[in-house]
Amino acid sequence: MWRALAALLLAWAMPAALACERTVRWNPDPPFTLLNAAGEVVGIDADIAREALQRMGCTVRWIELPWARALLELEAGRLDVLPGAFKRPEREVYAWFSDPRPTARNLLFASQEALAKWPLKRMDELPRVGFRLGVQINVAYGKAYDELLKDEAYARSITRQSTRLNLWQMVASGRLDGVIASEDTAAIELAELKLDQRIRATAIVVSDDAARFAFSKRAVEESFVQRFNQALAQMRREGLIRRIQQRYAPPQD
């Protein structure tokens, strides 16, 4: 009788013990993470993360966070997965990084007035002309932007906001000349805001570094990230990642 009771208790406890739920950050950032008409979190990063984690037997609990807060939560272990992160030495202290996910270029976008005034071709030209630049708080934009920050006077003049929406509105109102943003994200957001004729991409590619999924070292073992990479590799072989990208491709001019 006692053996039967013990077996019953073990069977009851196993689902809870084997349950795998991972918290994943999202924020309105099309085409990478966004809400669909049904109120579900979807997008390139969202669909890739959900599918890979499901293949590992895990469910996803989405947490909406601005970027700077998400980094803090990841470091503290209160967030498991942060999609779309660049692998940087200061982040490797507290995060594991997956293999690269599909790359999206960061470009410098500028108002039509700024484009007409300055035919800019390089980031290091911005301080010379007094270009009023806007960026998101604690977002990494690659080596060209890091070099720009070495000009301390110009670095202090850069406007930092938690959301791109604020930055686009500041460009539209004439308070900024331009913004650094993902090529695909900007195409979608500017079209939605009806600013795509007033704010355009410059010829300056700020970065084309590969973004990755970051995992909190406080919450996730390195072996978990290795299994995630195996799921990503299988999805690539199946052509699934390419199909997900095509599903959310921004409209072309």
Foldseek 3Di string as FASTA:
>chain_A
DVVVVVVVVCVVCVVVVPAAEAEEEDEPQPQQWDADPVRDIAHLVVVLVQQLVVVVVYHYDYDYDQDVVVLVCLQVQVHFKYFFADDDPVSVVWKDWAPFADWFFKFKKFFPVVCVVDLDDAPCCCVVVVAAEEEEPPHDQDDSVVVVVVVVVVVVRHHYHRDVVVVVVCRVVPNGGIYIDTPQRCLVVCVVVVCPVGMDTHNDGSDRGTITMIGGPVHDDPVVSVSSNVSVVVCVVVVNSVVSCVVRGHDDD
